[in-house]
Protein backbone atom coordinates (compact mmCIF):
# COMPACT_ATOMS: atom_id res chain seq x y z
CA MET A 1 -7.94 58.51 -39.65
CA ALA A 2 -8.65 55.21 -40.82
CA THR A 3 -6.07 56.51 -43.93
CA SER A 4 -3.83 57.59 -40.89
CA GLU A 5 -4.58 53.54 -39.62
CA SER A 6 -3.70 52.37 -42.87
CA GLY A 7 -0.60 53.58 -43.59
CA HIS A 8 0.87 52.54 -40.33
CA GLU A 9 -0.50 48.86 -40.97
CA LYS A 10 1.51 49.78 -44.51
CA SER A 11 4.27 50.34 -42.93
CA ALA A 12 4.28 47.89 -40.01
CA THR A 13 4.35 45.33 -42.90
CA GLY A 14 7.40 46.96 -44.68
CA THR A 15 9.01 47.08 -41.78
CA VAL A 16 8.12 42.76 -40.97
CA TRP A 17 9.13 42.03 -44.59
CA LEU A 18 12.52 44.35 -44.04
CA VAL A 19 13.75 42.47 -40.55
CA SER A 20 12.58 39.28 -41.97
CA GLY A 21 14.44 39.20 -45.24
CA LEU A 22 17.37 41.29 -44.53
CA ALA A 23 18.31 38.28 -41.89
CA ALA A 24 19.83 36.07 -44.60
CA PHE A 25 22.87 39.32 -45.98
CA THR A 26 24.99 39.58 -42.95
CA ASN A 27 27.79 39.75 -44.91
CA ILE A 28 26.93 42.62 -46.88
CA ARG A 29 28.15 45.82 -44.82
CA LEU A 30 28.76 49.51 -45.12
CA GLY A 31 31.29 49.71 -42.28
CA SER A 32 30.62 47.08 -39.70
CA LEU A 33 26.97 47.15 -39.81
CA GLN A 34 24.38 44.96 -41.63
CA PRO A 35 21.76 46.05 -43.92
CA GLU A 36 18.98 44.36 -41.28
CA ASP A 37 20.99 46.70 -38.35
CA PHE A 38 20.01 49.82 -40.49
CA VAL A 39 16.72 48.70 -40.35
CA LEU A 40 16.45 47.47 -36.89
CA ILE A 41 18.17 50.70 -35.08
CA VAL A 42 15.41 53.16 -36.95
CA LEU A 43 12.32 50.81 -35.66
CA LEU A 44 14.28 51.39 -32.61
CA ALA A 45 14.68 55.25 -32.78
CA VAL A 46 10.80 55.66 -33.65
CA CYS A 47 9.72 52.78 -30.32
CA LEU A 48 11.90 55.03 -28.00
CA GLY A 49 10.13 58.27 -29.85
CA ARG A 50 6.48 56.34 -29.48
CA PHE A 51 7.33 55.39 -25.50
CA LEU A 52 8.47 59.39 -24.85
CA ALA A 53 5.62 60.87 -26.89
CA ARG A 54 3.50 58.21 -24.93
CA GLY A 55 4.64 60.15 -21.40
CA GLY A 56 6.96 57.28 -20.95
CA TYR A 57 4.79 54.25 -20.89
CA PHE A 58 3.99 51.62 -24.36
CA ARG A 59 1.43 49.09 -24.58
CA ILE A 60 2.87 45.22 -24.62
CA GLU A 61 1.67 41.75 -24.14
CA PRO A 62 1.59 40.67 -20.17
CA SER A 63 3.67 38.26 -20.81
CA LEU A 64 6.35 40.46 -22.88
CA ALA A 65 6.15 42.89 -20.46
CA TRP A 66 8.40 42.13 -17.62
CA LEU A 67 10.80 40.58 -20.19
CA SER A 68 11.34 43.75 -21.84
CA LYS A 69 12.36 45.24 -18.15
CA ALA A 70 14.85 42.42 -17.46
CA TYR A 71 16.51 42.99 -21.14
CA LEU A 72 16.36 46.99 -20.07
CA LEU A 73 18.06 46.22 -16.92
CA LEU A 74 20.73 44.10 -18.84
CA ILE A 75 21.45 46.68 -21.25
CA VAL A 76 22.07 49.30 -18.32
CA ALA A 77 24.06 47.06 -16.51
CA LEU A 78 26.50 46.41 -19.69
CA GLY A 79 27.06 50.48 -19.84
CA VAL A 80 27.56 51.00 -17.46
CA MET A 81 30.23 47.96 -17.37
CA ALA A 82 31.08 49.95 -20.72
CA ALA A 83 32.03 53.00 -18.72
CA LEU A 84 33.92 50.81 -16.38
CA ALA A 85 35.76 49.65 -18.36
CA LEU A 86 37.66 52.83 -19.63
CA ARG A 87 40.05 52.14 -16.40
CA LEU A 88 41.78 49.33 -18.47
CA LYS A 89 44.64 49.76 -21.16
CA PHE A 90 42.90 49.73 -24.79
CA PHE A 91 45.26 48.69 -27.84
CA PRO A 92 43.27 50.50 -30.86
CA LEU A 93 43.53 48.50 -34.73
CA ASP A 94 46.20 51.16 -37.04
CA ASN A 95 44.20 53.27 -38.88
CA ALA A 96 41.06 52.32 -36.91
CA SER A 97 37.75 54.81 -37.63
CA LEU A 98 36.10 56.50 -34.96
CA LEU A 99 33.54 54.45 -33.73
CA LYS A 100 36.42 51.88 -33.43
CA GLN A 101 37.83 53.88 -30.55
CA PRO A 102 37.50 53.11 -26.89
CA PHE A 103 34.05 53.53 -25.22
CA LEU A 104 32.46 54.36 -28.60
CA PHE A 105 32.76 50.46 -30.12
CA SER A 106 31.39 49.57 -26.92
CA LEU A 107 28.22 51.90 -27.07
CA SER A 108 28.04 50.77 -31.56
CA LYS A 109 27.68 47.66 -29.91
CA LEU A 110 25.50 48.09 -26.93
CA VAL A 111 22.91 50.49 -29.34
CA GLN A 112 23.35 47.04 -31.84
CA LEU A 113 22.17 44.65 -28.97
CA ALA A 114 19.47 46.96 -27.88
CA ALA A 115 17.73 47.39 -31.20
CA CYS A 116 18.16 43.44 -31.71
CA VAL A 117 16.21 43.25 -28.44
CA CYS A 118 13.70 46.21 -29.49
CA GLY A 119 13.12 44.49 -32.62
CA PHE A 120 12.61 41.09 -30.75
CA LEU A 121 9.85 42.61 -28.86
CA TRP A 122 8.53 44.50 -31.58
CA LEU A 123 7.79 41.23 -33.68
CA ALA A 124 6.82 38.93 -30.70
CA ASN A 125 4.04 41.68 -29.68
CA GLY A 126 2.78 41.74 -33.00
CA ALA A 127 2.77 38.36 -33.96
CA ALA A 128 1.13 37.87 -30.44
CA GLN A 129 -1.52 40.28 -31.60
CA ARG A 130 -1.88 40.15 -35.62
CA THR A 131 -2.14 36.56 -37.34
CA LEU A 132 -1.26 38.58 -40.62
CA TRP A 133 2.80 39.54 -38.41
CA LEU A 134 3.59 35.96 -37.98
CA GLN A 135 2.17 34.98 -41.65
CA LEU A 136 4.44 37.64 -43.40
CA THR A 137 7.68 36.54 -41.16
CA LEU A 138 7.80 32.74 -41.50
CA LYS A 139 7.06 33.38 -45.26
CA ALA A 140 9.47 35.88 -46.01
CA TYR A 141 12.12 34.00 -43.85
CA TRP A 142 11.02 30.89 -45.79
CA LEU A 143 11.45 32.23 -48.74
CA ILE A 144 14.69 34.16 -48.61
CA GLY A 145 15.96 30.98 -47.03
CA ILE A 146 15.06 29.36 -50.00
CA ALA A 147 16.51 31.52 -52.56
CA SER A 148 19.78 31.97 -50.21
CA ALA A 149 20.30 28.17 -50.83
CA VAL A 150 20.09 28.04 -54.41
CA TYR A 151 21.94 31.07 -54.68
CA SER A 152 24.54 29.04 -52.83
CA ILE A 153 24.09 26.23 -54.99
CA CYS A 154 24.57 28.20 -58.20
CA CYS A 155 27.53 29.98 -56.80
CA TRP A 156 29.21 26.26 -55.64
CA VAL A 157 28.72 25.00 -59.57
CA LEU A 158 30.09 27.83 -60.27
CA VAL A 159 33.06 27.82 -58.46
CA TYR A 160 33.95 24.65 -59.46
CA ARG A 161 33.43 24.66 -62.98
CA LEU A 162 35.87 27.55 -63.08
CA HIS A 163 38.34 26.82 -60.62
CA LEU A 164 37.68 30.86 -58.94
CA THR A 165 39.38 31.65 -55.81
CA VAL A 166 36.98 33.46 -53.75
CA SER A 167 38.35 36.53 -50.83
CA PRO A 168 36.43 36.44 -47.39
CA THR A 169 35.09 39.93 -48.17
CA SER A 170 33.16 38.32 -51.98
CA LEU A 171 29.54 38.59 -52.20
CA LEU A 172 29.41 34.56 -53.62
CA GLY A 173 28.08 32.44 -51.78
CA ALA A 174 30.66 29.55 -52.54
CA TYR A 175 34.45 29.61 -51.39
CA HIS A 176 37.73 27.47 -51.59
CA PRO A 177 37.49 27.98 -47.11
CA ASP A 178 41.95 27.04 -47.41
CA LEU A 179 41.99 28.77 -50.99
CA THR A 180 44.20 25.54 -51.75
CA GLY A 181 41.42 24.04 -54.07
CA SER A 182 40.58 20.90 -51.43
CA SER A 183 37.13 21.90 -51.33
CA ILE A 184 34.69 23.99 -51.53
CA ARG A 185 32.11 24.91 -49.14
CA VAL A 186 28.96 27.23 -49.90
CA ARG A 187 27.88 30.11 -47.65
CA GLY A 188 25.01 32.01 -49.28
CA PHE A 189 25.31 35.67 -48.03
CA PHE A 190 27.31 35.53 -44.76
CA ASN A 191 31.17 35.52 -44.53
CA GLU A 192 31.99 31.28 -44.34
CA GLY A 193 29.95 27.72 -43.75
CA GLY A 194 29.75 27.68 -40.02
CA PRO A 195 27.28 30.70 -39.38
CA TYR A 196 25.50 29.89 -42.45
CA GLY A 197 24.80 26.11 -42.20
CA ILE A 198 23.13 27.65 -38.48
CA TYR A 199 21.07 29.94 -40.63
CA LEU A 200 20.10 27.09 -42.52
CA VAL A 201 18.98 25.23 -39.73
CA SER A 202 16.51 28.45 -38.70
CA VAL A 203 14.71 28.21 -42.17
CA ALA A 204 14.11 24.17 -41.31
CA LEU A 205 12.85 25.71 -38.54
CA ILE A 206 10.45 28.40 -39.84
CA GLY A 207 9.18 25.99 -42.54
CA MET A 208 8.44 24.12 -39.99
CA LEU A 209 6.39 26.57 -37.81
CA GLN A 210 4.63 27.38 -41.14
CA ARG A 211 3.09 23.90 -41.83
CA LYS A 212 1.96 23.24 -38.54
CA LEU A 213 0.04 26.85 -38.24
CA TYR A 214 -0.94 27.03 -41.65
CA GLY A 215 -0.20 23.54 -42.96
CA VAL A 216 1.98 24.97 -45.69
CA ARG A 217 3.83 22.48 -46.53
CA LEU A 218 7.65 22.07 -46.71
CA GLY A 219 8.32 20.14 -50.09
CA ARG A 220 10.56 17.41 -51.33
CA ILE A 221 12.28 19.75 -53.73
CA THR A 222 12.66 22.48 -51.19
CA GLY A 223 13.44 20.39 -48.56
CA THR A 224 16.16 18.58 -50.28
CA VAL A 225 17.32 21.48 -51.50
CA LEU A 226 18.25 22.51 -48.07
CA LEU A 227 19.75 18.82 -47.09
CA VAL A 228 22.12 19.45 -49.81
CA VAL A 229 23.40 22.87 -48.99
CA PHE A 230 23.30 22.32 -45.39
CA VAL A 231 25.67 19.13 -46.22
CA MET A 232 27.75 22.03 -48.07
CA ALA A 233 27.97 24.38 -45.89
CA GLN A 234 30.37 21.48 -44.07
CA SER A 235 29.50 24.05 -40.43
CA LYS A 236 30.39 21.38 -37.71
CA SER A 237 28.77 23.96 -35.11
CA ALA A 238 25.70 23.14 -37.37
CA PHE A 239 25.70 20.19 -37.21
CA LEU A 240 25.71 19.81 -33.53
CA LEU A 241 23.27 22.32 -33.27
CA ALA A 242 20.69 19.85 -35.59
CA LEU A 243 22.22 16.82 -33.42
CA LEU A 244 20.87 19.07 -30.61
CA LEU A 245 17.68 19.72 -31.49
CA LEU A 246 17.20 16.09 -32.90
CA LEU A 247 17.70 14.98 -28.96
CA ALA A 248 15.30 17.63 -27.89
CA PHE A 249 12.82 16.10 -30.69
CA LEU A 250 13.39 12.99 -29.18
CA ALA A 251 12.95 14.05 -25.77
CA SER A 252 9.41 15.68 -26.53
CA VAL A 253 8.11 12.30 -28.55
CA SER A 254 5.91 10.71 -25.84
CA SER A 255 5.52 6.98 -27.61
CA PHE A 256 8.59 4.94 -27.02
CA ARG A 257 8.00 2.93 -30.64
CA SER A 258 8.21 6.54 -32.51
CA ARG A 259 11.30 7.75 -30.46
CA MET A 260 12.90 4.55 -31.82
CA VAL A 261 12.07 4.98 -35.19
CA TYR A 262 12.86 8.29 -35.29
CA LEU A 263 16.29 7.49 -33.17
CA PHE A 264 16.61 4.96 -36.23
CA VAL A 265 16.13 7.31 -38.87
CA SER A 266 18.07 10.22 -37.47
CA ALA A 267 21.21 8.01 -36.85
CA CYS A 268 21.79 6.62 -40.31
CA LEU A 269 20.74 10.46 -41.67
CA ILE A 270 23.41 12.25 -38.99
CA THR A 271 25.91 9.47 -39.80
CA GLY A 272 26.09 9.69 -43.37
CA VAL A 273 26.17 13.08 -43.22
CA ALA A 274 29.02 13.12 -40.93
CA ILE A 275 31.25 11.03 -42.85
CA GLN A 276 30.51 13.28 -45.98
CA ILE A 277 31.65 16.38 -44.06
CA ASN A 278 34.42 14.81 -42.68
CA LEU A 279 33.49 15.57 -39.09
CA LEU A 280 35.56 13.83 -36.46
CA ALA A 281 38.93 14.58 -39.10
CA GLN A 282 37.68 18.64 -39.11
CA LEU A 283 37.26 18.39 -34.76
CA GLU A 284 40.86 16.48 -34.73
CA ALA A 285 42.08 19.60 -36.85
CA TYR A 286 40.41 22.13 -34.30
CA TYR A 287 42.02 20.13 -30.91
CA THR A 288 45.47 19.25 -32.54
CA ALA A 289 45.42 23.44 -33.63
CA TYR A 290 44.88 24.32 -30.04
CA GLU A 291 47.06 22.38 -28.16
CA ASN A 292 49.72 22.54 -30.67
CA LEU A 293 49.57 26.69 -31.41
CA GLU A 294 52.73 27.58 -29.80
CA GLN A 295 54.75 25.15 -32.11
CA ARG A 296 52.48 25.90 -35.07
CA MET A 297 53.19 29.60 -35.41
CA SER A 298 57.29 28.85 -35.15
CA VAL A 299 56.08 27.15 -38.39
CA LEU A 300 53.22 28.89 -39.92
CA GLY A 301 53.71 32.06 -38.59
CA ASN A 302 51.03 34.70 -38.52
CA ASP A 303 48.61 32.71 -40.26
CA ALA A 304 45.48 34.31 -40.41
CA ASN A 305 44.13 31.08 -40.07
CA LEU A 306 45.82 30.41 -36.79
CA VAL A 307 46.85 33.76 -35.04
CA LEU A 308 43.00 34.77 -35.91
CA GLY A 309 39.63 33.57 -35.25
CA ARG A 310 38.40 30.98 -33.40
CA VAL A 311 41.60 28.81 -32.06
CA ALA A 312 43.30 32.01 -31.27
CA SER A 313 40.22 33.21 -29.11
CA ALA A 314 40.27 29.96 -27.05
CA TYR A 315 43.37 30.82 -26.13
CA ILE A 316 42.60 34.50 -25.76
CA ILE A 317 39.61 34.54 -23.84
CA PRO A 318 39.88 32.35 -21.21
CA ARG A 319 42.74 34.99 -19.82
CA MET A 320 40.52 37.74 -19.79
CA ILE A 321 37.93 36.27 -17.86
CA GLU A 322 40.02 34.80 -15.46
CA ALA A 323 41.40 38.70 -14.96
CA HIS A 324 38.31 40.62 -15.19
CA PRO A 325 35.33 37.71 -14.07
CA ILE A 326 32.68 40.52 -13.19
CA THR A 327 32.52 43.27 -15.20
CA GLY A 328 34.73 41.86 -17.84
CA ILE A 329 36.55 44.01 -20.68
CA GLY A 330 33.45 46.03 -21.98
CA ILE A 331 30.79 44.96 -24.58
CA GLY A 332 32.41 44.65 -28.29
CA ASN A 333 36.12 46.11 -26.70
CA TYR A 334 37.76 42.57 -27.66
CA PRO A 335 39.20 43.42 -30.88
CA LEU A 336 40.61 46.07 -29.19
CA MET A 337 42.27 44.05 -25.57
CA ARG A 338 43.46 40.78 -27.69
CA ASN A 339 46.80 42.90 -28.41
CA ASP A 340 47.77 43.07 -24.46
CA PRO A 341 50.57 41.19 -23.66
CA GLN A 342 48.70 40.14 -20.20
CA TYR A 343 46.25 37.62 -22.90
CA LEU A 344 48.27 37.20 -26.18
CA GLY A 345 51.51 35.59 -24.47
CA LYS A 346 53.18 34.28 -27.42
CA LEU A 347 50.84 34.87 -29.87
CA PRO A 348 52.02 37.55 -32.40
CA ALA A 349 49.53 41.30 -32.06
CA ILE A 350 47.24 41.97 -35.19
CA LEU A 351 46.86 45.47 -35.53
CA TYR A 352 45.82 45.63 -39.46
CA GLN A 353 42.68 43.56 -38.80
CA GLU A 354 39.75 43.35 -36.20
CA ASP A 355 39.47 40.37 -35.09
CA LEU A 356 36.42 38.86 -33.54
CA PRO A 357 36.10 35.77 -30.64
CA ALA A 358 33.49 34.11 -33.41
CA LEU A 359 32.38 31.77 -30.26
CA GLY A 360 29.02 33.23 -29.78
CA ILE A 361 28.21 33.85 -26.04
CA LEU A 362 30.88 32.00 -24.38
CA GLY A 363 33.15 34.48 -26.46
CA GLU A 364 30.59 37.35 -24.98
CA ALA A 365 31.43 36.10 -21.49
CA CYS A 366 35.03 38.28 -21.16
CA GLU A 367 33.51 41.17 -22.82
CA ILE A 368 30.24 41.14 -20.45
CA GLY A 369 31.38 39.36 -17.57
CA VAL A 370 30.33 35.62 -16.00
CA PRO A 371 27.09 36.86 -14.25
CA ALA A 372 25.90 38.76 -17.52
CA THR A 373 26.71 36.18 -19.79
CA LEU A 374 24.94 34.35 -17.17
CA PHE A 375 21.92 36.32 -17.00
CA LEU A 376 21.76 36.80 -20.90
CA LEU A 377 21.50 32.88 -21.24
CA VAL A 378 18.21 32.86 -18.76
CA LEU A 379 16.44 36.56 -20.67
CA PHE A 380 17.37 33.17 -23.73
CA CYS A 381 15.90 30.59 -22.19
CA VAL A 382 12.63 32.39 -21.47
CA PRO A 383 10.84 31.33 -24.52
CA PHE A 384 11.35 28.23 -24.55
CA VAL A 385 10.24 27.38 -20.57
CA ARG A 386 6.79 29.17 -22.43
CA CYS A 387 6.77 27.08 -25.31
CA ARG A 388 8.05 23.72 -24.68
CA ARG A 389 4.65 21.93 -24.10
CA TYR A 390 2.75 23.11 -27.16
CA GLY A 391 3.61 21.53 -30.10
CA ALA A 392 7.58 19.77 -31.22
CA ALA A 393 7.91 22.72 -33.87
CA ILE A 394 7.23 25.37 -31.23
CA MET A 395 9.40 24.03 -28.54
CA LEU A 396 12.20 23.71 -31.60
CA ALA A 397 12.13 26.94 -32.46
CA ALA A 398 11.99 28.50 -29.15
CA ILE A 399 15.19 26.62 -28.24
CA PHE A 400 16.92 27.66 -30.99
CA GLN A 401 18.31 31.01 -29.55
CA PRO A 402 20.42 29.54 -26.85
CA LEU A 403 21.79 26.70 -28.75
CA ALA A 404 22.61 28.91 -31.73
CA HIS A 405 24.23 31.31 -29.76
CA LEU A 406 26.33 28.68 -27.66
CA LEU A 407 27.53 27.14 -31.21
CA GLY A 408 28.88 30.34 -32.07
CA ALA A 409 26.01 33.05 -33.34
CA GLN A 410 26.62 36.21 -32.41
CA ILE A 411 24.33 38.08 -30.20
CA THR A 412 23.96 40.80 -32.57
CA TYR A 413 23.25 38.57 -35.61
CA PHE A 414 19.22 38.96 -35.99
CA TYR A 415 18.12 35.76 -37.50
CA PRO A 416 18.45 33.96 -33.48
CA TRP A 417 16.14 36.60 -32.19
CA LEU A 418 13.79 36.42 -35.01
CA VAL A 419 13.47 33.04 -34.71
CA SER A 420 12.29 33.09 -30.76
CA ALA A 421 10.41 35.75 -31.47
CA CYS A 422 8.17 33.89 -34.06
CA ALA A 423 7.92 31.03 -31.63
CA LEU A 424 6.18 33.31 -28.98
CA GLY A 425 4.09 34.50 -31.76
CA ALA A 426 3.16 30.85 -32.63
CA CYS A 427 2.44 29.69 -29.02
CA VAL A 428 -0.74 32.20 -29.87
CA GLN A 429 -1.30 31.81 -32.81
CA SER A 430 -2.15 27.98 -32.54
CA LYS A 431 -4.35 28.88 -29.34
CA LYS A 432 -2.72 26.56 -27.02
CA ILE A 433 -1.49 29.24 -24.39
CA ALA A 434 -3.52 32.59 -24.52
CA ILE A 435 -1.84 35.74 -24.67
CA VAL A 436 -4.30 37.69 -26.49
CA ASP A 437 -7.36 39.00 -25.23
CA SER A 438 -10.13 41.07 -26.38
CA SER A 439 -10.12 42.95 -23.11
CA PRO A 440 -8.01 46.15 -21.69
CA SER A 441 -6.62 44.01 -18.96
CA ALA A 442 -5.28 41.92 -21.38
CA ILE A 443 -2.89 45.04 -22.11
CA SER A 444 0.37 46.17 -19.67
CA GLU A 445 1.68 49.28 -19.78
CA VAL A 446 5.40 48.93 -19.09
CA ARG A 447 6.41 52.48 -17.30
């Protein structure tokens, strides 16, 4: 029995390291799945197996019991709406694989989402009960994040010195976004600098949690490396995310004098970063591209920067929401329906490449409908509601997920879920709320 328990603990510890470390490698894929997805899907299968083996229940912390039921309700509802979407007309991609056919595409995305939810609940539950789990999660995530930042700097130097042209599918951690050589952005193991910048913010938050809970200092060198790579990523969404987190932090500071000091220092830092990445010019370029979309198409034709991604989805998604505001077009179905003339307007049909909205949870509204989107946002905010009074580090980590998804992070990327799980676990480990109790009454059975 002791050997069995020891083996189970080792496998759980290994899983913690995997889900924490693999969150940084979103650009390494087998088909449309990341390494993290495979681990989470296996974890989902194991949890479902144990749920059935125990007669249809599992033991979970009381504070997570109703949250697990709410997510289960959401996933079932999304499955029903995906089935209802079969009544609509699809426009599959040329030479699309079996998993990218109608309904199967929705089913695969639904499994990915369910795996993320399972990983979140599993990690939060374990972190609430075992100090080691939370320590391992924070340590692995922090170390991989710093290693990713160092790798990005090395790649930037390589691209700069050798004048390399880097393709979007390359694993090199730096690239020219417009292939003209005008600038070099870093991206770690992400597809571009935008989502990588958001990931770097999460690494900084994890570092803050380590410092608060276990006295692990960020270090001047590592802190400087993170800041430098954050600037080199040139991520507008990450910059706005950092600004919103700063405002949340200032609102939590009780002393007026401290608030003013933090405000002054932060304003100087933010202004410097904004000037360095030319933020206003980049935002103006997005606005101009959207406002003059049809005119620019007549000049640039089927330029991928124009007819794919954020600019095109900002044009298409409102039309999808207007047509299907309640049930949406089905989770994951945007690439299969964006070529419908009803939504395209004067945009060209793109059948040779899978196009994603790249607008985070705002883009999900066209797929899952407005009511389900609002419900999902409420669930994302639950950790913040629980943790907002238990220190700035925990509060900022708890609010990271909803802000990250609002600013473009995909809901099937696990790192925002991981940060929320750590925030809930940190509430327990900081001894400012009581979730764990040695008595049997402290454990709920979810049926």
